[in-house]
Amino acid sequence: MIVVDTSALLAIVLREVERRAFLERIDQEDAILSAGSMIEALMVCHGRGGAILTDEVRRLITQMGIRIVPVEPAEVVIAHEAFLKYGKGNGHPAQLNFGDLFAYALAKARDVPLLFKGNDFAETNIVSAITAT
């Protein structure tokens, strides 16, 4: 099982360099997405491409069988602790934003790797789904 971060979804729908590797990784695993991350993905897609990109990310989630899971109370605690340690404005190089905290907390709560793009999560204690293959 892996958790998918918004950054990975965007890399796929925006056809970035990592697209193929991310699609292959999702295809290999049971992939889950926090409901909080889903909201973030829809917001970012709407801002970057309106309804077309929003519909594309919804189709991707459906076609790849990515399961959207609710935010559990234990994840709220994990997300808050992650914010205090890694969050924006706290001086840590990770600078996790609000949306990042949902993906981080779900991956930590389930003890599974996280599929993400960028350097923010690499500055934390999260396990990357790319290096965990």
N, C-alpha and C. Protein backbone atom coordinates (compact mmCIF):
# COMPACT_ATOMS: atom_id res chain seq x y z
N MET A 1 0.84 -1.18 0.00
CA MET A 1 0.00 0.00 0.00
C MET A 1 0.89 1.24 0.00
N ILE A 2 0.43 2.28 -0.70
CA ILE A 2 1.10 3.57 -0.69
C ILE A 2 0.06 4.68 -0.52
N VAL A 3 0.51 5.81 -0.01
CA VAL A 3 -0.30 7.02 0.05
C VAL A 3 0.15 7.91 -1.10
N VAL A 4 -0.80 8.52 -1.78
CA VAL A 4 -0.50 9.42 -2.90
C VAL A 4 -0.69 10.86 -2.43
N ASP A 5 0.32 11.68 -2.67
CA ASP A 5 0.24 13.11 -2.34
C ASP A 5 -0.28 13.88 -3.55
N THR A 6 -0.83 15.04 -3.28
CA THR A 6 -1.32 15.92 -4.34
C THR A 6 -0.26 16.19 -5.40
N SER A 7 0.98 16.37 -4.97
CA SER A 7 2.07 16.67 -5.92
C SER A 7 2.24 15.58 -6.97
N ALA A 8 2.03 14.33 -6.57
CA ALA A 8 2.14 13.22 -7.52
C ALA A 8 0.97 13.24 -8.51
N LEU A 9 -0.23 13.50 -8.01
CA LEU A 9 -1.40 13.60 -8.89
C LEU A 9 -1.20 14.71 -9.92
N LEU A 10 -0.71 15.85 -9.46
CA LEU A 10 -0.50 16.97 -10.37
C LEU A 10 0.58 16.66 -11.40
N ALA A 11 1.64 16.00 -10.98
CA ALA A 11 2.69 15.63 -11.93
C ALA A 11 2.14 14.74 -13.03
N ILE A 12 1.18 13.89 -12.68
CA ILE A 12 0.58 13.00 -13.67
C ILE A 12 -0.32 13.79 -14.63
N VAL A 13 -1.28 14.54 -14.09
CA VAL A 13 -2.23 15.23 -14.97
C VAL A 13 -1.59 16.38 -15.74
N LEU A 14 -0.51 16.93 -15.22
CA LEU A 14 0.19 18.00 -15.94
C LEU A 14 1.28 17.45 -16.86
N ARG A 15 1.36 16.12 -16.93
CA ARG A 15 2.29 15.41 -17.81
C ARG A 15 3.75 15.84 -17.60
N GLU A 16 4.13 15.85 -16.33
CA GLU A 16 5.50 16.21 -15.99
C GLU A 16 6.41 14.99 -16.12
N VAL A 17 7.70 15.20 -16.00
CA VAL A 17 8.71 14.16 -16.23
C VAL A 17 8.45 12.90 -15.41
N GLU A 18 7.97 13.04 -14.19
CA GLU A 18 7.77 11.90 -13.29
C GLU A 18 6.50 11.10 -13.60
N ARG A 19 5.71 11.57 -14.54
CA ARG A 19 4.39 10.97 -14.82
C ARG A 19 4.43 9.46 -14.94
N ARG A 20 5.28 8.95 -15.80
CA ARG A 20 5.32 7.51 -16.06
C ARG A 20 5.69 6.71 -14.80
N ALA A 21 6.71 7.15 -14.10
CA ALA A 21 7.15 6.46 -12.88
C ALA A 21 6.04 6.46 -11.83
N PHE A 22 5.33 7.58 -11.71
CA PHE A 22 4.25 7.67 -10.73
C PHE A 22 3.09 6.75 -11.11
N LEU A 23 2.72 6.74 -12.40
CA LEU A 23 1.64 5.85 -12.84
C LEU A 23 2.00 4.39 -12.61
N GLU A 24 3.24 4.03 -12.90
CA GLU A 24 3.68 2.65 -12.69
C GLU A 24 3.62 2.28 -11.21
N ARG A 25 4.03 3.19 -10.35
CA ARG A 25 4.04 2.90 -8.90
C ARG A 25 2.61 2.74 -8.38
N ILE A 26 1.71 3.60 -8.82
CA ILE A 26 0.31 3.49 -8.40
C ILE A 26 -0.29 2.19 -8.90
N ASP A 27 0.08 1.79 -10.12
CA ASP A 27 -0.43 0.56 -10.71
C ASP A 27 0.06 -0.68 -9.95
N GLN A 28 1.22 -0.58 -9.30
CA GLN A 28 1.81 -1.72 -8.59
C GLN A 28 1.24 -1.92 -7.19
N GLU A 29 0.60 -0.94 -6.64
CA GLU A 29 0.21 -0.95 -5.23
C GLU A 29 -1.27 -0.61 -5.05
N ASP A 30 -1.77 -0.96 -3.86
CA ASP A 30 -3.05 -0.44 -3.41
C ASP A 30 -2.77 1.00 -3.00
N ALA A 31 -3.34 1.97 -3.71
CA ALA A 31 -3.04 3.37 -3.45
C ALA A 31 -4.21 4.05 -2.76
N ILE A 32 -3.88 4.84 -1.73
CA ILE A 32 -4.91 5.58 -1.01
C ILE A 32 -4.56 7.06 -1.00
N LEU A 33 -5.60 7.87 -0.84
CA LEU A 33 -5.48 9.32 -0.88
C LEU A 33 -6.32 9.88 0.26
N SER A 34 -5.75 10.74 1.06
CA SER A 34 -6.52 11.38 2.13
C SER A 34 -7.60 12.27 1.52
N ALA A 35 -8.77 12.30 2.16
CA ALA A 35 -9.83 13.19 1.70
C ALA A 35 -9.34 14.64 1.70
N GLY A 36 -8.49 14.98 2.66
CA GLY A 36 -7.91 16.33 2.69
C GLY A 36 -7.04 16.60 1.48
N SER A 37 -6.28 15.60 1.06
CA SER A 37 -5.45 15.74 -0.14
C SER A 37 -6.30 15.84 -1.39
N MET A 38 -7.43 15.14 -1.40
CA MET A 38 -8.33 15.21 -2.54
C MET A 38 -8.87 16.63 -2.71
N ILE A 39 -9.26 17.24 -1.60
CA ILE A 39 -9.74 18.62 -1.66
C ILE A 39 -8.64 19.53 -2.18
N GLU A 40 -7.42 19.35 -1.66
CA GLU A 40 -6.29 20.16 -2.12
C GLU A 40 -6.07 19.98 -3.63
N ALA A 41 -6.10 18.75 -4.10
CA ALA A 41 -5.89 18.47 -5.52
C ALA A 41 -6.95 19.16 -6.38
N LEU A 42 -8.20 19.09 -5.95
CA LEU A 42 -9.28 19.74 -6.70
C LEU A 42 -9.11 21.26 -6.73
N MET A 43 -8.69 21.82 -5.60
CA MET A 43 -8.48 23.27 -5.53
C MET A 43 -7.34 23.71 -6.46
N VAL A 44 -6.23 22.99 -6.40
CA VAL A 44 -5.07 23.34 -7.23
C VAL A 44 -5.41 23.15 -8.71
N CYS A 45 -6.08 22.05 -9.04
CA CYS A 45 -6.46 21.81 -10.44
C CYS A 45 -7.40 22.88 -10.95
N HIS A 46 -8.35 23.27 -10.12
CA HIS A 46 -9.28 24.33 -10.52
C HIS A 46 -8.51 25.63 -10.80
N GLY A 47 -7.57 25.95 -9.94
CA GLY A 47 -6.79 27.17 -10.11
C GLY A 47 -5.90 27.15 -11.33
N ARG A 48 -5.40 25.98 -11.68
CA ARG A 48 -4.45 25.88 -12.81
C ARG A 48 -5.11 25.60 -14.15
N GLY A 49 -6.27 24.93 -14.11
CA GLY A 49 -6.86 24.54 -15.39
C GLY A 49 -8.37 24.48 -15.40
N GLY A 50 -9.01 24.95 -14.35
CA GLY A 50 -10.46 24.98 -14.31
C GLY A 50 -11.07 23.58 -14.32
N ALA A 51 -12.27 23.51 -14.89
CA ALA A 51 -13.03 22.26 -14.89
C ALA A 51 -12.34 21.14 -15.66
N ILE A 52 -11.60 21.49 -16.70
CA ILE A 52 -10.95 20.46 -17.51
C ILE A 52 -9.93 19.69 -16.68
N LEU A 53 -9.06 20.40 -15.99
CA LEU A 53 -8.03 19.74 -15.18
C LEU A 53 -8.64 19.06 -13.95
N THR A 54 -9.67 19.68 -13.38
CA THR A 54 -10.36 19.08 -12.24
C THR A 54 -10.98 17.75 -12.64
N ASP A 55 -11.64 17.72 -13.79
CA ASP A 55 -12.22 16.47 -14.28
C ASP A 55 -11.14 15.43 -14.56
N GLU A 56 -10.00 15.88 -15.07
CA GLU A 56 -8.92 14.95 -15.39
C GLU A 56 -8.37 14.28 -14.12
N VAL A 57 -8.22 15.04 -13.05
CA VAL A 57 -7.71 14.43 -11.81
C VAL A 57 -8.75 13.47 -11.23
N ARG A 58 -10.02 13.80 -11.35
CA ARG A 58 -11.07 12.88 -10.88
C ARG A 58 -11.04 11.57 -11.68
N ARG A 59 -10.90 11.69 -13.00
CA ARG A 59 -10.83 10.49 -13.85
C ARG A 59 -9.61 9.64 -13.49
N LEU A 60 -8.48 10.30 -13.28
CA LEU A 60 -7.26 9.59 -12.91
C LEU A 60 -7.47 8.77 -11.64
N ILE A 61 -8.06 9.37 -10.64
CA ILE A 61 -8.29 8.68 -9.37
C ILE A 61 -9.20 7.48 -9.57
N THR A 62 -10.25 7.66 -10.36
CA THR A 62 -11.18 6.56 -10.63
C THR A 62 -10.52 5.46 -11.45
N GLN A 63 -9.86 5.83 -12.54
CA GLN A 63 -9.25 4.84 -13.43
C GLN A 63 -8.13 4.05 -12.76
N MET A 64 -7.37 4.69 -11.90
CA MET A 64 -6.25 4.02 -11.23
C MET A 64 -6.69 3.30 -9.96
N GLY A 65 -7.96 3.45 -9.60
CA GLY A 65 -8.46 2.77 -8.41
C GLY A 65 -7.90 3.31 -7.11
N ILE A 66 -7.54 4.59 -7.11
CA ILE A 66 -7.03 5.22 -5.89
C ILE A 66 -8.21 5.42 -4.94
N ARG A 67 -8.08 4.90 -3.75
CA ARG A 67 -9.16 4.95 -2.77
C ARG A 67 -9.02 6.18 -1.88
N ILE A 68 -10.07 6.98 -1.82
CA ILE A 68 -10.08 8.17 -0.96
C ILE A 68 -10.53 7.74 0.43
N VAL A 69 -9.73 8.09 1.44
CA VAL A 69 -10.03 7.69 2.81
C VAL A 69 -10.25 8.92 3.68
N PRO A 70 -11.17 8.82 4.65
CA PRO A 70 -11.43 9.96 5.53
C PRO A 70 -10.25 10.24 6.46
N VAL A 71 -10.21 11.45 6.96
CA VAL A 71 -9.19 11.83 7.95
C VAL A 71 -9.65 11.30 9.30
N GLU A 72 -8.83 10.47 9.91
CA GLU A 72 -9.15 9.87 11.20
C GLU A 72 -8.60 10.74 12.34
N PRO A 73 -9.20 10.65 13.53
CA PRO A 73 -8.72 11.45 14.67
C PRO A 73 -7.22 11.28 14.96
N ALA A 74 -6.70 10.07 14.84
CA ALA A 74 -5.26 9.86 15.10
C ALA A 74 -4.41 10.64 14.10
N GLU A 75 -4.90 10.80 12.88
CA GLU A 75 -4.16 11.54 11.86
C GLU A 75 -4.13 13.03 12.17
N VAL A 76 -5.16 13.52 12.84
CA VAL A 76 -5.18 14.92 13.25
C VAL A 76 -4.01 15.19 14.20
N VAL A 77 -3.81 14.27 15.14
CA VAL A 77 -2.70 14.40 16.10
C VAL A 77 -1.36 14.34 15.36
N ILE A 78 -1.22 13.37 14.45
CA ILE A 78 0.03 13.24 13.68
C ILE A 78 0.27 14.48 12.83
N ALA A 79 -0.77 14.99 12.19
CA ALA A 79 -0.63 16.18 11.35
C ALA A 79 -0.21 17.39 12.18
N HIS A 80 -0.78 17.52 13.36
CA HIS A 80 -0.42 18.65 14.22
C HIS A 80 1.04 18.55 14.66
N GLU A 81 1.46 17.35 15.04
CA GLU A 81 2.86 17.15 15.43
C GLU A 81 3.80 17.42 14.25
N ALA A 82 3.39 17.01 13.06
CA ALA A 82 4.20 17.26 11.86
C ALA A 82 4.28 18.76 11.57
N PHE A 83 3.17 19.45 11.77
CA PHE A 83 3.19 20.90 11.58
C PHE A 83 4.19 21.56 12.54
N LEU A 84 4.15 21.15 13.80
CA LEU A 84 5.05 21.74 14.79
C LEU A 84 6.51 21.48 14.46
N LYS A 85 6.79 20.33 13.87
CA LYS A 85 8.18 19.98 13.56
C LYS A 85 8.60 20.43 12.16
N TYR A 86 7.73 20.19 11.15
CA TYR A 86 8.10 20.38 9.75
C TYR A 86 7.32 21.48 9.03
N GLY A 87 6.37 22.11 9.69
CA GLY A 87 5.45 23.01 9.02
C GLY A 87 6.03 24.35 8.61
N LYS A 88 5.34 24.97 7.66
CA LYS A 88 5.74 26.31 7.19
C LYS A 88 5.79 27.27 8.37
N GLY A 89 6.83 28.07 8.38
CA GLY A 89 6.96 29.08 9.42
C GLY A 89 7.64 28.60 10.69
N ASN A 90 8.02 27.32 10.73
CA ASN A 90 8.65 26.78 11.93
C ASN A 90 10.16 26.61 11.80
N GLY A 91 10.73 27.09 10.70
CA GLY A 91 12.17 27.08 10.54
C GLY A 91 12.77 25.79 10.01
N HIS A 92 11.96 24.77 9.80
CA HIS A 92 12.48 23.50 9.28
C HIS A 92 12.53 23.57 7.75
N PRO A 93 13.55 22.96 7.12
CA PRO A 93 13.65 23.03 5.66
C PRO A 93 12.49 22.38 4.91
N ALA A 94 11.75 21.46 5.52
CA ALA A 94 10.64 20.80 4.83
C ALA A 94 9.54 21.79 4.46
N GLN A 95 9.19 22.68 5.38
CA GLN A 95 8.16 23.69 5.14
C GLN A 95 6.86 23.08 4.60
N LEU A 96 6.37 22.03 5.27
CA LEU A 96 5.12 21.39 4.83
C LEU A 96 3.97 22.38 4.92
N ASN A 97 3.12 22.37 3.89
CA ASN A 97 1.94 23.23 3.90
C ASN A 97 0.74 22.44 4.45
N PHE A 98 -0.39 23.11 4.54
CA PHE A 98 -1.60 22.49 5.10
C PHE A 98 -1.95 21.19 4.39
N GLY A 99 -1.94 21.21 3.07
CA GLY A 99 -2.28 20.01 2.30
C GLY A 99 -1.29 18.88 2.50
N ASP A 100 0.00 19.24 2.60
CA ASP A 100 1.03 18.22 2.83
C ASP A 100 0.78 17.43 4.11
N LEU A 101 0.25 18.11 5.11
CA LEU A 101 0.05 17.47 6.42
C LEU A 101 -0.92 16.30 6.35
N PHE A 102 -1.91 16.37 5.46
CA PHE A 102 -2.86 15.26 5.31
C PHE A 102 -2.15 14.02 4.78
N ALA A 103 -1.34 14.19 3.74
CA ALA A 103 -0.62 13.06 3.16
C ALA A 103 0.39 12.50 4.15
N TYR A 104 1.12 13.38 4.81
CA TYR A 104 2.12 12.95 5.80
C TYR A 104 1.44 12.12 6.89
N ALA A 105 0.36 12.64 7.45
CA ALA A 105 -0.32 11.97 8.56
C ALA A 105 -0.88 10.61 8.15
N LEU A 106 -1.45 10.52 6.96
CA LEU A 106 -2.00 9.24 6.51
C LEU A 106 -0.88 8.22 6.31
N ALA A 107 0.22 8.63 5.70
CA ALA A 107 1.34 7.71 5.49
C ALA A 107 1.91 7.24 6.83
N LYS A 108 2.04 8.15 7.78
CA LYS A 108 2.57 7.78 9.10
C LYS A 108 1.58 6.88 9.85
N ALA A 109 0.31 7.21 9.82
CA ALA A 109 -0.70 6.42 10.54
C ALA A 109 -0.79 5.00 10.01
N ARG A 110 -0.65 4.84 8.70
CA ARG A 110 -0.74 3.51 8.08
C ARG A 110 0.63 2.83 7.97
N ASP A 111 1.69 3.57 8.28
CA ASP A 111 3.07 3.07 8.20
C ASP A 111 3.38 2.55 6.80
N VAL A 112 3.09 3.41 5.81
CA VAL A 112 3.33 3.06 4.41
C VAL A 112 4.07 4.20 3.72
N PRO A 113 4.72 3.92 2.58
CA PRO A 113 5.44 4.96 1.84
C PRO A 113 4.49 5.98 1.21
N LEU A 114 5.05 7.13 0.92
CA LEU A 114 4.31 8.24 0.32
C LEU A 114 4.86 8.52 -1.08
N LEU A 115 3.96 8.62 -2.04
CA LEU A 115 4.33 8.98 -3.42
C LEU A 115 4.19 10.49 -3.55
N PHE A 116 5.31 11.16 -3.80
CA PHE A 116 5.30 12.62 -3.85
C PHE A 116 6.34 13.13 -4.83
N LYS A 117 6.19 14.39 -5.20
CA LYS A 117 7.18 15.09 -6.03
C LYS A 117 7.71 16.26 -5.21
N GLY A 118 8.99 16.54 -5.37
CA GLY A 118 9.57 17.70 -4.70
C GLY A 118 10.46 17.31 -3.54
N ASN A 119 10.97 18.33 -2.87
CA ASN A 119 11.93 18.10 -1.79
C ASN A 119 11.35 18.27 -0.39
N ASP A 120 10.10 18.72 -0.28
CA ASP A 120 9.56 18.99 1.05
C ASP A 120 9.51 17.73 1.91
N PHE A 121 8.89 16.68 1.42
CA PHE A 121 8.79 15.44 2.21
C PHE A 121 10.15 14.77 2.39
N ALA A 122 11.06 14.98 1.45
CA ALA A 122 12.40 14.39 1.55
C ALA A 122 13.15 14.95 2.76
N GLU A 123 12.73 16.09 3.25
CA GLU A 123 13.34 16.71 4.43
C GLU A 123 12.74 16.20 5.74
N THR A 124 11.78 15.28 5.65
CA THR A 124 11.13 14.72 6.84
C THR A 124 11.57 13.27 7.03
N ASN A 125 10.92 12.60 7.96
CA ASN A 125 11.21 11.18 8.21
C ASN A 125 10.27 10.25 7.46
N ILE A 126 9.62 10.75 6.43
CA ILE A 126 8.68 9.94 5.64
C ILE A 126 9.46 9.03 4.68
N VAL A 127 8.89 7.88 4.38
CA VAL A 127 9.50 6.96 3.42
C VAL A 127 8.91 7.24 2.04
N SER A 128 9.77 7.44 1.05
CA SER A 128 9.34 7.70 -0.31
C SER A 128 8.88 6.41 -0.98
N ALA A 129 7.75 6.47 -1.68
CA ALA A 129 7.24 5.30 -2.41
C ALA A 129 8.12 4.97 -3.61
N ILE A 130 8.90 5.91 -4.07
CA ILE A 130 9.80 5.64 -5.20
C ILE A 130 11.03 4.89 -4.73
N THR A 131 11.61 5.29 -3.63
CA THR A 131 12.81 4.60 -3.14
C THR A 131 12.48 3.33 -2.37
N ALA A 132 11.21 3.13 -2.04
CA ALA A 132 10.80 1.95 -1.26
C ALA A 132 10.43 0.76 -2.14
N THR A 133 10.62 0.86 -3.45
CA THR A 133 10.23 -0.24 -4.34
C THR A 133 11.13 -1.43 -4.21
